[in-house]
Amino acid sequence: MEILKRSIIIIFVLLGLNANAQSLQEAFIKSYKYESEAKYDDAAKEILKHYDKSSYVINLRLGWLMYMAEQYDKSSQYYQLSIKQKPLSIEALLGKTYPESVLGNWDNVISLYKEVLQIAPNNYTANLKLAQIYLNTKKYSDADKYVKLILSQYPFNFDVLIVAAWNNYYLGKLREAKILFNNALLLYPNNESATEGLSKIK
């Protein structure tokens, strides 16, 4: 009799879990529909009906929707909750860089990208973004190690080529910069940034 009771309890628990999972799936479907219509607040409300602070997927979704709704502080908070649940989640770490960038919290952004690189040293986005940040803040030597890595991995990628070209230019490596600007123009002929770079070298 005791075994039967336990079996019945387990069945009800499983049925409850299935019902909750189906309900959450329906909420996500509605949320995607609202998002496609740029109704980000409504999209978030659908998810909030099922809010669970310990749920990675719910917090990640809300982080994105709050970012799109331009509620950047809330977005950052939800992404942080996702990171708390899954500390090795690259998608959550990169996600949090979006609101932090808009808020101008560049030290936080840099830290997040470096956290990503501790997990995945060859991550394209983190390496490229750090190179761009250091280039834009005129820390060319700091940018150089990231530039060299991504350039070796993506030697014919426009975003990589243009950041590498400008960084080499500012480091005084004009021969390397000229080659890189020309390669960038093979991908995007007449690109303004690459054309400007070449004009400074000639």
C-alpha atoms as a PDB file:
ATOM      1  CA  MET A   1       0.000   0.000   0.000  1.00  0.00           C
ATOM      2  CA  GLU A   2       2.843   2.375   0.896  1.00  0.00           C
ATOM      3  CA  ILE A   3       4.534   1.668  -2.452  1.00  0.00           C
ATOM      4  CA  LEU A   4       1.262   2.418  -4.254  1.00  0.00           C
ATOM      5  CA  LYS A   5       0.946   5.764  -2.463  1.00  0.00           C
ATOM      6  CA  ARG A   6       4.485   6.707  -3.395  1.00  0.00           C
ATOM      7  CA  SER A   7       3.871   5.746  -7.010  1.00  0.00           C
ATOM      8  CA  ILE A   8       0.738   7.890  -7.136  1.00  0.00           C
ATOM      9  CA  ILE A   9       2.617  10.858  -5.651  1.00  0.00           C
ATOM     10  CA  ILE A  10       5.405  10.462  -8.213  1.00  0.00           C
ATOM     11  CA  ILE A  11       2.867  10.347 -11.046  1.00  0.00           C
ATOM     12  CA  PHE A  12       1.186  13.558  -9.844  1.00  0.00           C
ATOM     13  CA  VAL A  13       4.577  15.273  -9.504  1.00  0.00           C
ATOM     14  CA  LEU A  14       5.525  14.273 -13.047  1.00  0.00           C
ATOM     15  CA  LEU A  15       2.168  15.419 -14.381  1.00  0.00           C
ATOM     16  CA  GLY A  16       2.658  18.747 -12.622  1.00  0.00           C
ATOM     17  CA  LEU A  17       6.127  19.150 -14.083  1.00  0.00           C
ATOM     18  CA  ASN A  18       4.835  18.366 -17.578  1.00  0.00           C
ATOM     19  CA  ALA A  19       2.005  20.873 -17.186  1.00  0.00           C
ATOM     20  CA  ASN A  20       4.420  23.571 -15.999  1.00  0.00           C
ATOM     21  CA  ALA A  21       6.803  22.849 -18.864  1.00  0.00           C
ATOM     22  CA  GLN A  22       3.989  23.072 -21.412  1.00  0.00           C
ATOM     23  CA  SER A  23       2.703  26.293 -19.865  1.00  0.00           C
ATOM     24  CA  LEU A  24       6.172  27.824 -20.003  1.00  0.00           C
ATOM     25  CA  GLN A  25       6.583  26.774 -23.626  1.00  0.00           C
ATOM     26  CA  GLU A  26       3.325  28.519 -24.487  1.00  0.00           C
ATOM     27  CA  ALA A  27       4.514  31.650 -22.665  1.00  0.00           C
ATOM     28  CA  PHE A  28       7.740  31.645 -24.691  1.00  0.00           C
ATOM     29  CA  ILE A  29       5.777  31.249 -27.943  1.00  0.00           C
ATOM     30  CA  LYS A  30       3.608  34.260 -27.063  1.00  0.00           C
ATOM     31  CA  SER A  31       6.707  36.159 -25.987  1.00  0.00           C
ATOM     32  CA  TYR A  32       8.422  35.552 -29.341  1.00  0.00           C
ATOM     33  CA  LYS A  33       5.300  36.754 -31.145  1.00  0.00           C
ATOM     34  CA  TYR A  34       5.241  40.005 -29.167  1.00  0.00           C
ATOM     35  CA  GLU A  35       8.967  40.447 -29.716  1.00  0.00           C
ATOM     36  CA  SER A  36       8.528  40.095 -33.479  1.00  0.00           C
ATOM     37  CA  GLU A  37       6.062  42.994 -33.242  1.00  0.00           C
ATOM     38  CA  ALA A  38       8.538  45.036 -31.157  1.00  0.00           C
ATOM     39  CA  LYS A  39       6.175  44.820 -28.167  1.00  0.00           C
ATOM     40  CA  TYR A  40       8.958  44.071 -25.721  1.00  0.00           C
ATOM     41  CA  ASP A  41       7.056  44.947 -22.550  1.00  0.00           C
ATOM     42  CA  ASP A  42       4.257  42.559 -23.509  1.00  0.00           C
ATOM     43  CA  ALA A  43       6.811  39.906 -24.409  1.00  0.00           C
ATOM     44  CA  ALA A  44       8.373  40.252 -20.970  1.00  0.00           C
ATOM     45  CA  LYS A  45       4.991  40.125 -19.214  1.00  0.00           C
ATOM     46  CA  GLU A  46       4.326  36.683 -20.691  1.00  0.00           C
ATOM     47  CA  ILE A  47       7.561  35.382 -19.188  1.00  0.00           C
ATOM     48  CA  LEU A  48       7.045  37.160 -15.880  1.00  0.00           C
ATOM     49  CA  LYS A  49       3.806  35.234 -15.369  1.00  0.00           C
ATOM     50  CA  HIS A  50       6.036  32.212 -14.806  1.00  0.00           C
ATOM     51  CA  TYR A  51       8.912  33.969 -13.087  1.00  0.00           C
ATOM     52  CA  ASP A  52      11.296  31.792 -11.129  1.00  0.00           C
ATOM     53  CA  LYS A  53      14.397  33.497  -9.800  1.00  0.00           C
ATOM     54  CA  SER A  54      16.348  30.236 -10.011  1.00  0.00           C
ATOM     55  CA  SER A  55      15.494  29.624 -13.672  1.00  0.00           C
ATOM     56  CA  TYR A  56      18.401  30.242 -16.014  1.00  0.00           C
ATOM     57  CA  VAL A  57      16.284  30.360 -19.174  1.00  0.00           C
ATOM     58  CA  ILE A  58      13.697  32.742 -17.743  1.00  0.00           C
ATOM     59  CA  ASN A  59      16.299  35.213 -16.485  1.00  0.00           C
ATOM     60  CA  LEU A  60      18.249  35.017 -19.745  1.00  0.00           C
ATOM     61  CA  ARG A  61      15.113  35.710 -21.768  1.00  0.00           C
ATOM     62  CA  LEU A  62      14.151  38.631 -19.535  1.00  0.00           C
ATOM     63  CA  GLY A  63      17.667  40.016 -19.759  1.00  0.00           C
ATOM     64  CA  TRP A  64      17.309  40.206 -23.528  1.00  0.00           C
ATOM     65  CA  LEU A  65      13.782  41.584 -23.520  1.00  0.00           C
ATOM     66  CA  MET A  66      14.596  44.279 -20.967  1.00  0.00           C
ATOM     67  CA  TYR A  67      17.575  45.270 -23.093  1.00  0.00           C
ATOM     68  CA  MET A  68      15.354  45.584 -26.157  1.00  0.00           C
ATOM     69  CA  ALA A  69      12.849  47.575 -24.078  1.00  0.00           C
ATOM     70  CA  GLU A  70      15.703  49.932 -23.119  1.00  0.00           C
ATOM     71  CA  GLN A  71      15.399  49.034 -19.444  1.00  0.00           C
ATOM     72  CA  TYR A  72      19.121  48.534 -19.140  1.00  0.00           C
ATOM     73  CA  ASP A  73      19.484  48.289 -15.363  1.00  0.00           C
ATOM     74  CA  LYS A  74      16.841  45.561 -15.201  1.00  0.00           C
ATOM     75  CA  SER A  75      18.419  43.811 -18.175  1.00  0.00           C
ATOM     76  CA  SER A  76      21.780  43.708 -16.439  1.00  0.00           C
ATOM     77  CA  GLN A  77      20.173  42.361 -13.265  1.00  0.00           C
ATOM     78  CA  TYR A  78      18.432  39.519 -15.079  1.00  0.00           C
ATOM     79  CA  TYR A  79      21.603  38.597 -16.955  1.00  0.00           C
ATOM     80  CA  GLN A  80      23.451  38.561 -13.628  1.00  0.00           C
ATOM     81  CA  LEU A  81      20.900  36.119 -12.235  1.00  0.00           C
ATOM     82  CA  SER A  82      21.502  33.918 -15.268  1.00  0.00           C
ATOM     83  CA  ILE A  83      25.236  34.040 -14.647  1.00  0.00           C
ATOM     84  CA  LYS A  84      24.636  33.101 -11.023  1.00  0.00           C
ATOM     85  CA  GLN A  85      22.778  29.988 -12.169  1.00  0.00           C
ATOM     86  CA  LYS A  86      25.284  29.064 -14.879  1.00  0.00           C
ATOM     87  CA  PRO A  87      28.666  30.715 -14.119  1.00  0.00           C
ATOM     88  CA  LEU A  88      30.295  29.210 -17.218  1.00  0.00           C
ATOM     89  CA  SER A  89      27.579  30.424 -19.579  1.00  0.00           C
ATOM     90  CA  ILE A  90      29.230  32.406 -22.337  1.00  0.00           C
ATOM     91  CA  GLU A  91      25.864  33.479 -23.744  1.00  0.00           C
ATOM     92  CA  ALA A  92      24.872  35.036 -20.406  1.00  0.00           C
ATOM     93  CA  LEU A  93      28.231  36.784 -19.952  1.00  0.00           C
ATOM     94  CA  LEU A  94      28.113  38.186 -23.479  1.00  0.00           C
ATOM     95  CA  GLY A  95      24.453  39.106 -23.014  1.00  0.00           C
ATOM     96  CA  LYS A  96      25.260  41.221 -19.993  1.00  0.00           C
ATOM     97  CA  THR A  97      27.757  43.250 -22.022  1.00  0.00           C
ATOM     98  CA  TYR A  98      24.847  44.719 -24.040  1.00  0.00           C
ATOM     99  CA  PRO A  99      23.176  46.733 -21.267  1.00  0.00           C
ATOM    100  CA  GLU A 100      26.482  47.444 -19.548  1.00  0.00           C
ATOM    101  CA  SER A 101      27.827  48.960 -22.778  1.00  0.00           C
ATOM    102  CA  VAL A 102      24.809  51.233 -23.174  1.00  0.00           C
ATOM    103  CA  LEU A 103      25.122  52.282 -19.540  1.00  0.00           C
ATOM    104  CA  GLY A 104      28.768  53.179 -20.179  1.00  0.00           C
ATOM    105  CA  ASN A 105      30.085  50.719 -17.615  1.00  0.00           C
ATOM    106  CA  TRP A 106      33.167  49.920 -19.647  1.00  0.00           C
ATOM    107  CA  ASP A 107      35.195  48.461 -16.782  1.00  0.00           C
ATOM    108  CA  ASN A 108      32.379  45.951 -16.271  1.00  0.00           C
ATOM    109  CA  VAL A 109      32.229  45.229 -19.990  1.00  0.00           C
ATOM    110  CA  ILE A 110      35.962  44.548 -20.134  1.00  0.00           C
ATOM    111  CA  SER A 111      35.732  42.295 -17.084  1.00  0.00           C
ATOM    112  CA  LEU A 112      32.888  40.328 -18.669  1.00  0.00           C
ATOM    113  CA  TYR A 113      34.817  39.778 -21.890  1.00  0.00           C
ATOM    114  CA  LYS A 114      37.849  38.666 -19.907  1.00  0.00           C
ATOM    115  CA  GLU A 115      35.670  36.237 -17.956  1.00  0.00           C
ATOM    116  CA  VAL A 116      34.576  34.773 -21.277  1.00  0.00           C
ATOM    117  CA  LEU A 117      38.206  34.373 -22.322  1.00  0.00           C
ATOM    118  CA  GLN A 118      39.007  32.533 -19.107  1.00  0.00           C
ATOM    119  CA  ILE A 119      36.394  29.987 -20.153  1.00  0.00           C
ATOM    120  CA  ALA A 120      37.084  30.037 -23.902  1.00  0.00           C
ATOM    121  CA  PRO A 121      40.401  31.763 -24.747  1.00  0.00           C
ATOM    122  CA  ASN A 122      39.711  31.732 -28.492  1.00  0.00           C
ATOM    123  CA  ASN A 123      36.211  33.201 -28.308  1.00  0.00           C
ATOM    124  CA  TYR A 124      35.796  35.399 -31.385  1.00  0.00           C
ATOM    125  CA  THR A 125      33.428  37.987 -29.930  1.00  0.00           C
ATOM    126  CA  ALA A 126      35.328  38.607 -26.700  1.00  0.00           C
ATOM    127  CA  ASN A 127      38.687  38.927 -28.458  1.00  0.00           C
ATOM    128  CA  LEU A 128      37.329  41.216 -31.167  1.00  0.00           C
ATOM    129  CA  LYS A 129      35.415  43.435 -28.764  1.00  0.00           C
ATOM    130  CA  LEU A 130      38.396  43.831 -26.439  1.00  0.00           C
ATOM    131  CA  ALA A 131      40.557  44.739 -29.429  1.00  0.00           C
ATOM    132  CA  GLN A 132      37.979  47.335 -30.491  1.00  0.00           C
ATOM    133  CA  ILE A 133      37.620  48.789 -27.004  1.00  0.00           C
ATOM    134  CA  TYR A 134      41.374  49.191 -26.543  1.00  0.00           C
ATOM    135  CA  LEU A 135      41.749  50.599 -30.055  1.00  0.00           C
ATOM    136  CA  ASN A 136      39.000  53.158 -29.422  1.00  0.00           C
ATOM    137  CA  THR A 137      40.568  54.160 -26.101  1.00  0.00           C
ATOM    138  CA  LYS A 138      44.010  54.489 -27.751  1.00  0.00           C
ATOM    139  CA  LYS A 139      45.505  51.588 -25.781  1.00  0.00           C
ATOM    140  CA  TYR A 140      47.099  50.124 -28.871  1.00  0.00           C
ATOM    141  CA  SER A 141      49.575  47.878 -27.099  1.00  0.00           C
ATOM    142  CA  ASP A 142      46.762  46.356 -25.039  1.00  0.00           C
ATOM    143  CA  ALA A 143      44.744  45.792 -28.201  1.00  0.00           C
ATOM    144  CA  ASP A 144      47.658  44.185 -30.011  1.00  0.00           C
ATOM    145  CA  LYS A 145      47.562  40.758 -28.336  1.00  0.00           C
ATOM    146  CA  TYR A 146      43.855  40.376 -29.088  1.00  0.00           C
ATOM    147  CA  VAL A 147      44.371  41.608 -32.639  1.00  0.00           C
ATOM    148  CA  LYS A 148      47.121  39.084 -33.311  1.00  0.00           C
ATOM    149  CA  LEU A 149      45.025  36.192 -32.048  1.00  0.00           C
ATOM    150  CA  ILE A 150      41.846  36.923 -33.986  1.00  0.00           C
ATOM    151  CA  LEU A 151      43.779  37.870 -37.116  1.00  0.00           C
ATOM    152  CA  SER A 152      45.523  34.488 -37.069  1.00  0.00           C
ATOM    153  CA  GLN A 153      42.141  32.776 -36.724  1.00  0.00           C
ATOM    154  CA  TYR A 154      40.102  34.990 -39.069  1.00  0.00           C
ATOM    155  CA  PRO A 155      42.585  36.407 -41.600  1.00  0.00           C
ATOM    156  CA  PHE A 156      39.898  37.324 -44.147  1.00  0.00           C
ATOM    157  CA  ASN A 157      37.142  38.706 -41.942  1.00  0.00           C
ATOM    158  CA  PHE A 158      36.312  42.372 -42.484  1.00  0.00           C
ATOM    159  CA  ASP A 159      35.748  43.369 -38.857  1.00  0.00           C
ATOM    160  CA  VAL A 160      39.002  41.704 -37.866  1.00  0.00           C
ATOM    161  CA  LEU A 161      40.938  43.200 -40.760  1.00  0.00           C
ATOM    162  CA  ILE A 162      39.784  46.752 -40.128  1.00  0.00           C
ATOM    163  CA  VAL A 163      40.553  46.725 -36.398  1.00  0.00           C
ATOM    164  CA  ALA A 164      43.907  45.073 -37.075  1.00  0.00           C
ATOM    165  CA  ALA A 165      44.730  47.573 -39.822  1.00  0.00           C
ATOM    166  CA  TRP A 166      44.000  50.626 -37.679  1.00  0.00           C
ATOM    167  CA  ASN A 167      45.766  49.218 -34.648  1.00  0.00           C
ATOM    168  CA  ASN A 168      48.867  48.475 -36.710  1.00  0.00           C
ATOM    169  CA  TYR A 169      48.666  51.965 -38.191  1.00  0.00           C
ATOM    170  CA  TYR A 170      48.655  53.591 -34.755  1.00  0.00           C
ATOM    171  CA  LEU A 171      51.485  51.342 -33.627  1.00  0.00           C
ATOM    172  CA  GLY A 172      53.503  52.651 -36.555  1.00  0.00           C
ATOM    173  CA  LYS A 173      53.495  49.333 -38.435  1.00  0.00           C
ATOM    174  CA  LEU A 174      52.573  50.972 -41.714  1.00  0.00           C
ATOM    175  CA  ARG A 175      53.548  48.137 -44.053  1.00  0.00           C
ATOM    176  CA  GLU A 176      51.333  45.681 -42.158  1.00  0.00           C
ATOM    177  CA  ALA A 177      48.542  48.237 -41.938  1.00  0.00           C
ATOM    178  CA  LYS A 178      48.619  48.855 -45.706  1.00  0.00           C
ATOM    179  CA  ILE A 179      48.294  45.147 -46.468  1.00  0.00           C
ATOM    180  CA  LEU A 180      45.403  44.814 -44.050  1.00  0.00           C
ATOM    181  CA  PHE A 181      43.547  47.849 -45.393  1.00  0.00           C
ATOM    182  CA  ASN A 182      43.915  46.491 -48.931  1.00  0.00           C
ATOM    183  CA  ASN A 183      42.615  43.084 -47.855  1.00  0.00           C
ATOM    184  CA  ALA A 184      39.647  44.783 -46.202  1.00  0.00           C
ATOM    185  CA  LEU A 185      38.880  46.497 -49.520  1.00  0.00           C
ATOM    186  CA  LEU A 186      38.787  43.107 -51.236  1.00  0.00           C
ATOM    187  CA  LEU A 187      35.841  42.260 -49.010  1.00  0.00           C
ATOM    188  CA  TYR A 188      34.175  45.686 -49.131  1.00  0.00           C
ATOM    189  CA  PRO A 189      35.430  47.770 -52.076  1.00  0.00           C
ATOM    190  CA  ASN A 190      35.408  51.517 -51.421  1.00  0.00           C
ATOM    191  CA  ASN A 191      34.870  51.043 -47.709  1.00  0.00           C
ATOM    192  CA  GLU A 192      35.273  54.477 -46.128  1.00  0.00           C
ATOM    193  CA  SER A 193      37.362  53.382 -43.135  1.00  0.00           C
ATOM    194  CA  ALA A 194      39.786  51.287 -45.195  1.00  0.00           C
ATOM    195  CA  THR A 195      40.073  53.971 -47.877  1.00  0.00           C
ATOM    196  CA  GLU A 196      40.785  56.616 -45.250  1.00  0.00           C
ATOM    197  CA  GLY A 197      43.450  54.406 -43.697  1.00  0.00           C
ATOM    198  CA  LEU A 198      45.231  53.934 -47.010  1.00  0.00           C
ATOM    199  CA  SER A 199      45.123  57.661 -47.711  1.00  0.00           C
ATOM    200  CA  LYS A 200      46.983  58.295 -44.450  1.00  0.00           C
ATOM    201  CA  ILE A 201      49.742  55.879 -45.401  1.00  0.00           C
ATOM    202  CA  LYS A 202      50.345  57.111 -48.971  1.00  0.00           C
END
